[in-house]
Every structure is written in structure tokens, then in C-alpha cells.
């Protein structure tokens, strides 16, 4: 990792009052972000800069104001990031009018006829985002680091589903270890997202937009005379190999939040979890693909957990179309799809351990409404006060007050842990039946008890 004092990574703020834009760029190389312009959206209506006051520089910080509408302004402050690696951008929305403004999102986009993000190297533009590991239909640029991808052929949003623990977008070029990092420094009230697409202008590396969308509500209101702090952003240039890609960003967060941010001392740093549901396109997993991911996770995580998720069961087994608990009934002879997992559970366990990972597996107590458990043991099914089965989207649940149910569950878990060798279980959808307000246990008791 290059030093934070490296002159090729230092960023300078340049404000263009006439265009209502600003640049964050490295003077020696010309790399950085050009023509960034603030926008505020409310449905189909969008506010863009009408006027921009000349910037003011003092104590290493640059401040400027942008007028979006009569009386509606956004105030910017850009200065060195706390750890000294880049720029910390803060902003505040100010309403000096007599009316209220409602809006759904805000962000920064490349203004028309400007270059946007630039890395002056040759090579195919690529990007890295935590969401890439979930969408494997994108072409792979570096086999060793599947989170690095070429630009999507069709423009797409990243981060809007809240996928991935690292809210940062990384831009680079193929086979070059130099990166532009645009990440959230806060997400108190809004979540960061990015839109990428192939360049619409010849001088651009890509078309690019970052946007913050409100958490838990469709819009925000700024009353007359009020102001509000918007989310802060970090902008960094990193000279680093892919396995050190996020170190500068994480160091900046640790410098901002101190003890409130666990950073590299968190349990996730020493015991990360690789879950195939997130990285295997849901149930579309095979033994061969799982073994490749085990090897990759062993290299990247240096320990932690490899968790095989839903999809190892026969997907269209008779009376168990979703491979839930019925796949374990009456025993585990037909639990695994032998066509896709010829080595069965023990090979997953053995290979995980060989690569320094703790093996874990997905499991759920849900049953198919037309499956063999429901047919053979209707007295096992959780019911409401009218004696009707508790049902969620076509699935049934167990009544844990029934001794035979508890015996069956204990036998199943003993098989998973003691016979197969898994060290952990992801217990999914376990609380659905407990959450039913009219659930009645045949042998009395409460959900807390059972």
C-alpha cells in the first residue's frame, strides 16, 4: 500500500462557479473526478445548481454554496480526510424560503460535457462493489478477485438493495493497481448507491452517478427556515493490489468514528462468513462451484466460516419441491442432490477444513404443504386457535410442544453436526411460526418456552 503522502494520490478541490460543478483531482496525474454536480430529486422533478458562489479557502478546507431554487441552498465543505488519504466532503441543505421542500434523494452526477471519473491509463474500465459477488452473470475480469468486473453492458444501480457491508464504489482499469474510491463516510439517514453505464461521450471513462436514498421512508421534508446535514462522503485514490483495495477507506472510517467503529478489530475481520446464498445466485450452486469458492474464501479470508446455503437438496424431489425439512424426512438418505453434490456433505466439510475454514450449512424447519411430513404427521403441524395450520407462502411449521417433533429435530441436527461434521448451522425462517399471534401449542406453553 502506498503512503498516504504519495503525491500521485493527493486530491485537490477545484470549484467551477460558472458551471456549478467541482473537481476532485490529482494534479500530477490528472486522475480524479471531473464535473461533479449536485442534484436534489423529488419524484420526476430534479433541482440542479442555478448559481454557485465563489469558493472560500481557509485552513486547508474549501467551502462554497450552491443555489438550487429560490431560497434553497446546499453548502459544501471539502477538506483533508481524517487519516489524510483523501478528501472528506460534507454538505448541508439550507431552506431560506417561506415554503417547504419535499425530496426523495440527492447526490452527485457528472454534468453534461464534463469528463467525470478519470484514470489516465490504458485498459478496460472495471469497477469493484460488494454487490458484484451476488451477480455472477457479469463477465469476470480477474478470476482471483471476482468482485472486480468490467462495466455492465446495461446501466445499473449498485447498493440500492443494501447488499454488501462496504458502502463504497471503486473504479479502475484492467490490470492496473490504481483505483478511485468513492465511499460513504456516514449513512445516518440515507443509503449510498451508484449508477454505472458505458460512456455516452468519447472523452469519458464511464457514465457515473452517486445517489443517497432515504432510509425507511419515501421522502424527506425540509420546512421553511430549516436546514439539515446531508451524508458525508470520502474520495480517495489508492495505489494498491486488489487484496488491499479497501484498507484506506476502512482506515478513514476508523479515524472518523474511533471506538464507535470496530474496523479491523471487529469479529468480521477475524471471523468473516462466506455465504453461498449471496455469492452463488441463490440456489444455483454445485459441488464444483462450491469447492472453487472454498478455495477463494480460504485465500481472501484467512480463516472464518464457509457457509453452504439453500440449494444442496434435490430441488424438485417428490413432495419437497423446495428441499426444506422434508428433504430430511424420514431420514437423511435423500437429503443431498447427488447429481450436483456427488461427494455429499463430508466433502464440503473436508475441503472447508483443509483451507482453514469452519464449515457451516443452511437449514430451516419449514415444510412443504404437500410434503410427506404433513401427510404422515398432521399432529406435528403448528395450528391456530381454530385448529387450522399456520401457513406462510405455502409453507408449514412445526409444533415444538410435541415430543416427537423435538426428537425428530434433535436427530436431524445430530446428523448435521456429528455425522456430517458441520460446525455451525444457519437457522433460517425459524421465527415465522412464533410470530403468528394466534399460534396455539397442543401441549400448552409459549413460544418463548419452546
Protein backbone atom coordinates (compact mmCIF):
# COMPACT_ATOMS: atom_id res chain seq x y z
CA UNK A 1 0.00 0.00 0.00
CA UNK A 2 1.36 3.39 -0.95
CA UNK A 3 1.95 6.01 1.69
CA UNK A 4 -0.83 8.50 2.26
CA UNK A 5 1.72 11.25 1.45
CA UNK A 6 2.25 9.85 -2.04
CA UNK A 7 1.95 12.89 -4.37
CA UNK A 8 0.26 10.73 -7.02
CA UNK A 9 -2.73 10.10 -4.72
CA UNK A 10 -3.24 13.57 -3.19
CA UNK A 11 -6.53 15.20 -4.22
CA UNK A 12 -7.20 18.89 -4.83
CA UNK A 13 -10.61 20.60 -4.84
CA UNK A 14 -11.36 22.87 -7.80
CA UNK A 15 -14.72 24.67 -7.97
CA UNK A 16 -16.20 25.98 -11.22
CA UNK A 17 -18.74 28.70 -10.27
CA UNK A 18 -19.88 29.26 -13.86
CA UNK A 19 -20.80 25.61 -14.49
CA UNK A 20 -21.98 24.86 -10.97
CA UNK A 21 -19.56 21.93 -10.73
CA UNK A 22 -16.44 20.91 -8.85
CA UNK A 23 -13.48 18.59 -9.44
CA UNK A 24 -11.57 16.34 -7.06
CA UNK A 25 -8.36 15.57 -8.91
CA UNK A 26 -4.69 14.74 -8.58
CA UNK A 27 -2.63 17.47 -10.23
CA UNK A 28 0.46 15.43 -11.30
CA UNK A 29 -1.52 12.62 -12.96
CA UNK A 30 -4.84 14.23 -13.84
CA UNK A 31 -6.71 11.33 -12.24
CA UNK A 32 -9.86 12.00 -10.24
CA UNK A 33 -13.47 13.16 -10.60
CA UNK A 34 -14.35 15.99 -13.01
CA UNK A 35 -17.55 17.97 -13.39
CA UNK A 36 -19.39 16.72 -10.31
CA UNK A 37 -22.74 18.45 -9.93
CA UNK A 38 -25.17 18.23 -7.03
CA UNK A 39 -28.81 17.29 -7.65
CA UNK A 40 -31.91 17.01 -5.48
CA UNK A 41 -34.82 14.84 -6.62
CA UNK A 42 -38.47 14.60 -5.73
CA UNK A 43 -40.13 12.02 -7.95
CA UNK A 44 -39.66 13.15 -11.54
CA UNK A 45 -38.68 16.68 -10.54
CA UNK A 46 -34.99 17.48 -10.18
CA UNK A 47 -33.22 20.54 -8.78
CA UNK A 48 -29.81 21.40 -10.24
CA UNK A 49 -27.50 24.35 -9.49
CA UNK A 50 -28.79 27.73 -10.66
CA UNK A 51 -25.99 29.78 -9.14
CA UNK A 52 -22.78 28.93 -7.36
CA UNK A 53 -20.93 31.38 -5.13
CA UNK A 54 -17.17 31.64 -5.46
CA UNK A 55 -15.35 29.24 -3.14
CA UNK A 56 -13.58 30.27 0.02
CA UNK A 57 -10.39 28.55 1.16
CA UNK A 58 -9.18 28.62 4.74
CA UNK A 59 -7.19 26.27 6.98
CA UNK A 60 -6.88 23.68 4.24
CA UNK A 61 -10.63 23.50 3.60
CA UNK A 62 -12.70 24.72 0.68
CA UNK A 63 -16.27 25.91 1.22
CA UNK A 64 -18.86 27.01 -1.33
CA UNK A 65 -22.61 27.44 -1.71
CA UNK A 66 -24.93 26.31 -4.48
CA UNK A 67 -28.41 27.72 -5.03
CA UNK A 68 -30.86 25.08 -6.27
CA UNK A 69 -34.06 27.15 -6.21
CA UNK A 70 -35.21 30.44 -4.74
CA UNK A 71 -34.11 30.25 -1.10
CA UNK A 72 -32.92 26.62 -1.31
CA UNK A 73 -29.17 26.16 -1.00
CA UNK A 74 -26.65 23.42 -0.38
CA UNK A 75 -23.46 24.35 1.49
CA UNK A 76 -20.32 22.29 0.84
CA UNK A 77 -17.14 21.85 2.85
CA UNK A 78 -14.28 19.80 1.39
CA UNK A 79 -11.07 19.19 3.27
CA UNK A 80 -8.44 16.59 4.06
CA UNK A 81 -9.89 13.32 5.31
CA UNK A 82 -9.12 12.50 8.98
CA UNK A 83 -6.49 9.86 8.16
CA UNK A 84 -5.02 12.09 5.46
CA UNK A 85 -5.60 9.78 2.49
CA UNK A 86 -8.06 11.87 0.50
CA UNK A 87 -10.98 14.31 0.69
CA UNK A 88 -13.88 14.34 3.16
CA UNK A 89 -16.89 16.07 1.61
CA UNK A 90 -19.58 17.42 3.93
CA UNK A 91 -22.78 19.16 2.85
CA UNK A 92 -25.82 20.80 4.41
CA UNK A 93 -29.17 21.66 2.85
CA UNK A 94 -30.50 25.10 3.84
CA UNK A 95 -34.04 26.38 3.25
CA UNK A 96 -34.21 30.17 3.49
CA UNK A 97 -37.53 30.44 1.71
CA UNK A 98 -41.06 30.60 3.14
CA UNK A 99 -42.12 27.30 1.61
CA UNK A 100 -41.28 23.72 2.40
CA UNK A 101 -39.40 21.40 0.06
CA UNK A 102 -40.00 17.67 -0.26
CA UNK A 103 -37.44 15.41 -1.88
CA UNK A 104 -36.72 11.71 -2.28
CA UNK A 105 -32.96 11.60 -2.87
CA UNK A 106 -29.86 13.61 -3.62
CA UNK A 107 -26.40 13.01 -4.95
CA UNK A 108 -23.65 13.90 -7.40
CA UNK A 109 -23.69 13.28 -11.13
CA UNK A 110 -21.33 14.16 -13.96
CA UNK A 111 -22.55 17.37 -15.59
CA UNK A 112 -23.15 17.36 -19.33
CA UNK A 113 -19.98 17.80 -21.44
CA UNK A 114 -17.69 17.03 -18.47
CA UNK A 115 -15.38 14.02 -18.21
CA UNK A 116 -16.49 12.52 -14.90
CA UNK A 117 -14.21 9.96 -13.19
CA UNK A 118 -10.85 9.57 -14.93
CA UNK A 119 -7.86 7.25 -14.67
CA UNK A 120 -5.32 8.09 -17.35
CA UNK A 121 -4.15 4.57 -18.05
CA UNK A 122 -4.93 2.27 -20.91
CA UNK A 123 -7.07 -0.75 -20.29
CA UNK A 124 -10.69 -1.76 -19.98
CA UNK A 125 -12.58 0.19 -17.28
CA UNK A 126 -13.52 -2.03 -14.34
CA UNK A 127 -15.30 -1.47 -11.06
CA UNK A 128 -15.46 -3.13 -7.67
CA UNK A 129 -18.51 -3.25 -5.44
CA UNK A 130 -19.65 -5.73 -2.79
CA UNK A 131 -22.79 -6.39 -4.84
CA UNK A 132 -20.71 -7.86 -7.68
CA UNK A 133 -20.27 -11.10 -5.79
CA UNK A 134 -24.02 -11.64 -5.96
CA UNK A 135 -24.41 -11.18 -9.70
CA UNK A 136 -22.18 -13.68 -11.41
CA UNK A 137 -23.73 -13.16 -14.83
CA UNK A 138 -21.43 -10.16 -15.20
CA UNK A 139 -18.24 -11.07 -17.10
CA UNK A 140 -15.26 -11.77 -14.87
CA UNK A 141 -12.19 -9.59 -15.36
CA UNK A 142 -9.92 -11.05 -12.69
CA UNK A 143 -10.60 -14.66 -11.81
CA UNK A 144 -8.81 -14.33 -8.49
CA UNK A 145 -10.89 -11.33 -7.39
CA UNK A 146 -14.48 -11.81 -8.60
CA UNK A 147 -15.66 -8.53 -7.08
CA UNK A 148 -13.76 -6.68 -9.84
CA UNK A 149 -15.83 -6.54 -13.04
CA UNK A 150 -15.97 -4.76 -16.38
CA UNK A 151 -18.68 -2.13 -16.70
CA UNK A 152 -22.17 -3.61 -17.07
CA UNK A 153 -23.40 -3.65 -20.65
CA UNK A 154 -26.67 -2.10 -19.48
CA UNK A 155 -26.58 0.72 -16.95
CA UNK A 156 -27.44 -0.49 -13.45
CA UNK A 157 -27.73 0.72 -9.87
CA UNK A 158 -25.49 -0.75 -7.17
CA UNK A 159 -26.11 -0.51 -3.44
CA UNK A 160 -29.84 0.17 -3.52
CA UNK A 161 -30.64 -3.26 -2.13
CA UNK A 162 -28.31 -2.72 0.79
CA UNK A 163 -26.20 -5.68 -0.33
CA UNK A 164 -22.68 -5.82 0.96
CA UNK A 165 -21.14 -4.41 4.12
CA UNK A 166 -18.86 -1.87 2.39
CA UNK A 167 -20.71 1.20 1.00
CA UNK A 168 -18.03 2.25 -1.46
CA UNK A 169 -17.70 2.22 -5.25
CA UNK A 170 -14.25 1.53 -6.70
CA UNK A 171 -13.25 2.37 -10.27
CA UNK A 172 -10.14 1.17 -12.06
CA UNK A 173 -8.71 -0.20 -15.27
CA UNK A 174 -7.92 -3.77 -16.18
CA UNK A 175 -4.54 -5.00 -14.87
CA UNK A 176 -3.75 -1.64 -13.21
CA UNK A 177 -3.43 -1.40 -9.42
CA UNK A 178 -4.65 2.19 -9.22
CA UNK A 179 -8.18 2.98 -8.08
CA UNK A 180 -10.70 5.75 -7.48
CA UNK A 181 -12.73 5.16 -4.30
CA UNK A 182 -16.00 7.00 -3.66
CA UNK A 183 -17.46 5.85 -0.35
CA UNK A 184 -19.96 6.87 2.29
CA UNK A 185 -18.47 8.44 5.41
CA UNK A 186 -21.91 8.30 7.04
CA UNK A 187 -25.26 6.64 6.41
CA UNK A 188 -27.25 8.06 9.31
CA UNK A 189 -30.42 8.85 7.38
CA UNK A 190 -29.77 7.77 3.79
CA UNK A 191 -28.09 4.88 1.99
CA UNK A 192 -25.40 5.31 -0.66
CA UNK A 193 -25.89 3.91 -4.16
CA UNK A 194 -24.23 4.31 -7.54
CA UNK A 195 -25.30 4.08 -11.17
CA UNK A 196 -22.76 2.94 -13.76
CA UNK A 197 -23.09 2.65 -17.51
CA UNK A 198 -20.93 2.64 -20.62
CA UNK A 199 -19.69 6.13 -21.59
CA UNK A 200 -22.06 8.29 -23.59
CA UNK A 201 -19.25 10.67 -24.59
CA UNK A 202 -15.92 9.75 -26.14
CA UNK A 203 -13.77 11.53 -23.55
CA UNK A 204 -15.41 9.73 -20.65
CA UNK A 205 -14.24 6.58 -18.92
CA UNK A 206 -17.86 5.80 -17.96
CA UNK A 207 -21.16 7.49 -17.10
CA UNK A 208 -21.38 7.80 -13.35
CA UNK A 209 -23.79 8.97 -10.67
CA UNK A 210 -23.84 8.59 -6.89
CA UNK A 211 -27.10 8.97 -5.01
CA UNK A 212 -28.33 8.82 -1.42
CA UNK A 213 -31.85 7.48 -0.84
CA UNK A 214 -33.67 7.96 2.47
CA UNK A 215 -33.75 5.04 4.89
CA UNK A 216 -37.17 3.67 5.76
CA UNK A 217 -39.26 6.35 4.07
CA UNK A 218 -40.07 7.53 0.58
CA UNK A 219 -39.24 11.22 1.03
CA UNK A 220 -37.89 13.87 3.36
CA UNK A 221 -39.32 17.32 4.11
CA UNK A 222 -37.35 20.49 4.80
CA UNK A 223 -39.61 23.12 6.35
CA UNK A 224 -39.22 26.85 5.81
CA UNK A 225 -36.25 28.23 7.72
CA UNK A 226 -34.79 24.81 8.49
CA UNK A 227 -31.53 23.16 7.48
CA UNK A 228 -30.25 19.59 7.64
CA UNK A 229 -26.91 17.87 7.41
CA UNK A 230 -26.62 15.51 4.45
CA UNK A 231 -24.46 12.40 4.43
CA UNK A 232 -20.69 12.82 4.18
CA UNK A 233 -18.54 11.20 1.52
CA UNK A 234 -14.93 10.08 1.18
CA UNK A 235 -12.94 10.38 -2.06
CA UNK A 236 -9.63 8.54 -2.30
CA UNK A 237 -7.05 7.46 -4.87
CA UNK A 238 -5.32 4.21 -3.95
CA UNK A 239 -2.23 2.58 -5.41
CA UNK A 240 -2.83 -0.93 -4.15
CA UNK A 241 -3.33 -4.54 -5.23
CA UNK A 242 -6.90 -5.85 -5.06
CA UNK A 243 -6.43 -7.62 -1.73
CA UNK A 244 -5.65 -4.22 -0.14
CA UNK A 245 -8.31 -2.32 -2.04
CA UNK A 246 -10.39 -1.19 0.92
CA UNK A 247 -7.66 -0.56 3.50
CA UNK A 248 -7.50 3.22 3.00
CA UNK A 249 -11.28 3.52 3.20
CA UNK A 250 -11.51 1.43 6.38
CA UNK A 251 -8.67 3.41 7.96
CA UNK A 252 -10.56 6.64 7.24
CA UNK A 253 -13.73 5.30 8.87
CA UNK A 254 -11.72 4.26 11.93
CA UNK A 255 -10.23 7.76 12.11
CA UNK A 256 -13.69 9.35 11.89
CA UNK A 257 -15.52 7.16 14.38
CA UNK A 258 -12.77 5.96 16.70
CA UNK A 259 -14.02 3.35 19.15
CA UNK A 260 -17.55 3.53 17.70
CA UNK A 261 -16.22 1.91 14.54
CA UNK A 262 -14.75 -1.54 15.07
CA UNK A 263 -12.90 -1.60 11.75
CA UNK A 264 -10.05 -4.10 11.62
CA UNK A 265 -10.60 -5.09 15.27
CA UNK A 266 -14.14 -6.34 14.63
CA UNK A 267 -15.03 -10.02 14.70
CA UNK A 268 -15.79 -9.89 10.98
CA UNK A 269 -12.12 -9.10 10.36
CA UNK A 270 -11.02 -12.25 12.19
CA UNK A 271 -14.04 -14.46 11.55
CA UNK A 272 -15.68 -13.46 8.25
CA UNK A 273 -18.52 -15.53 6.80
CA UNK A 274 -18.68 -16.58 3.15
CA UNK A 275 -22.31 -17.49 2.41
CA UNK A 276 -23.15 -19.09 -0.94
CA UNK A 277 -26.64 -17.56 -0.99
CA UNK A 278 -25.12 -14.13 -1.51
CA UNK A 279 -22.33 -15.29 -3.79
CA UNK A 280 -23.90 -18.20 -5.65
CA UNK A 281 -27.06 -16.78 -7.20
CA UNK A 282 -29.41 -18.22 -4.60
CA UNK A 283 -29.93 -22.00 -5.04
CA UNK A 284 -27.86 -22.29 -8.22
CA UNK A 285 -24.90 -23.99 -6.53
CA UNK A 286 -22.94 -27.15 -7.28
CA UNK A 287 -20.18 -29.06 -5.59
CA UNK A 288 -17.63 -27.94 -8.17
CA UNK A 289 -18.56 -24.27 -7.80
CA UNK A 290 -18.64 -24.59 -4.01
CA UNK A 291 -15.14 -26.07 -3.93
CA UNK A 292 -13.87 -23.17 -6.05
CA UNK A 293 -15.45 -20.71 -3.62
CA UNK A 294 -13.97 -22.56 -0.64
CA UNK A 295 -10.52 -22.18 -2.15
CA UNK A 296 -11.13 -18.49 -2.89
CA UNK A 297 -12.58 -17.80 0.57
CA UNK A 298 -9.60 -19.52 2.16
CA UNK A 299 -7.26 -17.20 0.26
CA UNK A 300 -9.17 -13.98 0.90
CA UNK A 301 -10.49 -14.52 4.42
CA UNK A 302 -7.51 -16.19 6.09
CA UNK A 303 -9.92 -18.13 8.27
CA UNK A 304 -13.54 -17.66 9.21
CA UNK A 305 -16.62 -19.56 8.09
CA UNK A 306 -17.70 -21.10 4.81
CA UNK A 307 -21.48 -21.48 4.90
CA UNK A 308 -23.23 -23.59 2.27
CA UNK A 309 -26.70 -22.18 1.82
CA UNK A 310 -30.00 -23.47 0.42
CA UNK A 311 -29.63 -25.47 -2.79
CA UNK A 312 -27.75 -28.61 -1.79
CA UNK A 313 -31.02 -30.59 -1.59
CA UNK A 314 -32.80 -32.09 -4.60
CA UNK A 315 -34.66 -29.04 -5.95
CA UNK A 316 -37.58 -31.00 -7.39
CA UNK A 317 -37.78 -34.00 -5.10
CA UNK A 318 -41.24 -35.57 -4.84
CA UNK A 319 -43.35 -33.78 -2.22
CA UNK A 320 -40.42 -31.49 -1.33
CA UNK A 321 -40.24 -29.09 -4.23
CA UNK A 322 -38.21 -26.56 -2.26
CA UNK A 323 -35.98 -29.00 -0.44
CA UNK A 324 -36.93 -27.79 3.03
CA UNK A 325 -37.27 -30.00 6.12
CA UNK A 326 -38.99 -32.72 4.07
CA UNK A 327 -35.60 -33.44 2.49
CA UNK A 328 -34.51 -34.74 5.93
CA UNK A 329 -37.57 -37.00 6.35
CA UNK A 330 -37.87 -39.82 7.24
CA UNK A 331 -34.05 -39.84 7.31
CA UNK A 332 -31.13 -38.18 5.50
CA UNK A 333 -30.68 -40.80 2.77
CA UNK A 334 -32.01 -38.46 0.08
CA UNK A 335 -31.16 -35.08 1.61
CA UNK A 336 -28.39 -34.21 -0.85
CA UNK A 337 -28.71 -33.80 -4.60
CA UNK A 338 -26.16 -36.41 -5.65
CA UNK A 339 -26.06 -35.17 -9.24
CA UNK A 340 -24.85 -31.72 -8.18
CA UNK A 341 -23.04 -32.79 -4.98
CA UNK A 342 -21.61 -36.24 -5.72
CA UNK A 343 -19.23 -36.02 -2.76
CA UNK A 344 -22.05 -35.20 -0.36
CA UNK A 345 -21.71 -33.20 2.85
CA UNK A 346 -18.45 -34.71 4.01
CA UNK A 347 -16.53 -33.41 1.02
CA UNK A 348 -17.71 -29.85 1.69
CA UNK A 349 -16.69 -30.25 5.34
CA UNK A 350 -13.34 -31.80 4.46
CA UNK A 351 -12.38 -29.16 1.86
CA UNK A 352 -13.50 -26.28 4.08
CA UNK A 353 -11.31 -27.54 6.91
CA UNK A 354 -8.39 -28.12 4.54
CA UNK A 355 -8.49 -24.46 3.51
CA UNK A 356 -8.65 -23.21 7.09
CA UNK A 357 -12.40 -22.51 7.15
CA UNK A 358 -15.09 -23.55 9.61
CA UNK A 359 -17.85 -25.41 7.70
CA UNK A 360 -21.47 -24.37 8.25
CA UNK A 361 -24.73 -25.23 6.49
CA UNK A 362 -28.18 -23.73 5.87
CA UNK A 363 -31.16 -25.40 7.50
CA UNK A 364 -34.80 -24.48 8.06
CA UNK A 365 -37.70 -26.06 9.97
CA UNK A 366 -40.19 -25.15 7.22
CA UNK A 367 -42.13 -27.93 5.48
CA UNK A 368 -43.83 -28.24 2.12
CA UNK A 369 -47.61 -28.02 2.41
CA UNK A 370 -47.94 -31.15 0.25
CA UNK A 371 -44.90 -32.93 1.62
CA UNK A 372 -44.52 -36.24 3.45
CA UNK A 373 -44.25 -34.77 6.96
CA UNK A 374 -47.61 -33.04 6.64
CA UNK A 375 -49.13 -36.20 5.16
CA UNK A 376 -47.69 -38.62 7.74
CA UNK A 377 -47.87 -36.43 10.85
CA UNK A 378 -50.64 -33.83 10.75
CA UNK A 379 -50.35 -33.71 14.54
CA UNK A 380 -46.85 -32.22 14.15
CA UNK A 381 -48.11 -29.13 12.32
CA UNK A 382 -48.40 -25.80 14.17
CA UNK A 383 -52.02 -24.60 14.25
CA UNK A 384 -54.01 -21.55 15.31
CA UNK A 385 -56.81 -21.41 17.86
CA UNK A 386 -59.24 -22.71 15.24
CA UNK A 387 -57.11 -25.78 14.60
CA UNK A 388 -56.01 -24.54 11.18
CA UNK A 389 -52.33 -24.89 10.13
CA UNK A 390 -50.09 -21.85 10.48
CA UNK A 391 -49.09 -21.19 6.88
CA UNK A 392 -46.65 -18.74 5.29
CA UNK A 393 -46.39 -18.55 1.48
CA UNK A 394 -47.27 -22.21 1.09
CA UNK A 395 -45.04 -23.49 3.90
CA UNK A 396 -45.99 -25.13 7.18
CA UNK A 397 -44.25 -25.06 10.56
CA UNK A 398 -43.77 -27.46 13.43
CA UNK A 399 -45.44 -27.53 16.83
CA UNK A 400 -42.42 -27.78 19.14
CA UNK A 401 -44.55 -28.74 22.12
CA UNK A 402 -45.00 -32.20 20.55
CA UNK A 403 -42.29 -34.57 21.94
CA UNK A 404 -41.96 -36.45 18.63
CA UNK A 405 -41.23 -33.16 16.85
CA UNK A 406 -38.42 -32.34 19.25
CA UNK A 407 -37.00 -35.85 18.84
CA UNK A 408 -37.03 -35.50 15.04
CA UNK A 409 -35.31 -32.10 15.17
CA UNK A 410 -32.66 -33.37 17.58
CA UNK A 411 -31.92 -36.40 15.38
CA UNK A 412 -31.61 -34.17 12.33
CA UNK A 413 -29.24 -31.72 13.99
CA UNK A 414 -27.13 -34.57 15.40
CA UNK A 415 -26.74 -35.87 11.85
CA UNK A 416 -25.67 -32.46 10.54
CA UNK A 417 -23.18 -31.81 13.34
CA UNK A 418 -21.91 -35.21 14.49
CA UNK A 419 -22.26 -37.41 11.39
CA UNK A 420 -21.56 -34.91 8.61
CA UNK A 421 -19.14 -32.76 10.59
CA UNK A 422 -20.56 -29.25 10.13
CA UNK A 423 -19.59 -26.92 12.96
CA UNK A 424 -22.41 -24.42 12.52
CA UNK A 425 -25.98 -24.08 11.24
CA UNK A 426 -27.65 -21.07 9.66
CA UNK A 427 -31.14 -21.43 11.13
CA UNK A 428 -33.39 -19.67 8.63
CA UNK A 429 -37.07 -18.66 8.91
CA UNK A 430 -37.16 -20.13 12.39
CA UNK A 431 -39.34 -17.42 13.92
CA UNK A 432 -42.16 -17.31 11.37
CA UNK A 433 -44.45 -19.62 13.33
CA UNK A 434 -43.51 -17.99 16.64
CA UNK A 435 -44.51 -14.61 15.24
CA UNK A 436 -48.06 -15.79 14.48
CA UNK A 437 -50.27 -14.03 17.06
CA UNK A 438 -52.88 -16.82 17.16
CA UNK A 439 -50.48 -19.79 17.45
CA UNK A 440 -51.71 -22.38 19.96
CA UNK A 441 -49.47 -25.22 21.20
CA UNK A 442 -51.12 -28.62 21.59
CA UNK A 443 -49.31 -29.32 24.85
CA UNK A 444 -49.52 -25.79 26.22
CA UNK A 445 -46.68 -23.40 26.83
CA UNK A 446 -45.46 -20.35 24.93
CA UNK A 447 -43.15 -19.58 22.02
CA UNK A 448 -40.51 -18.37 24.46
CA UNK A 449 -40.65 -21.69 26.30
CA UNK A 450 -40.46 -23.91 23.23
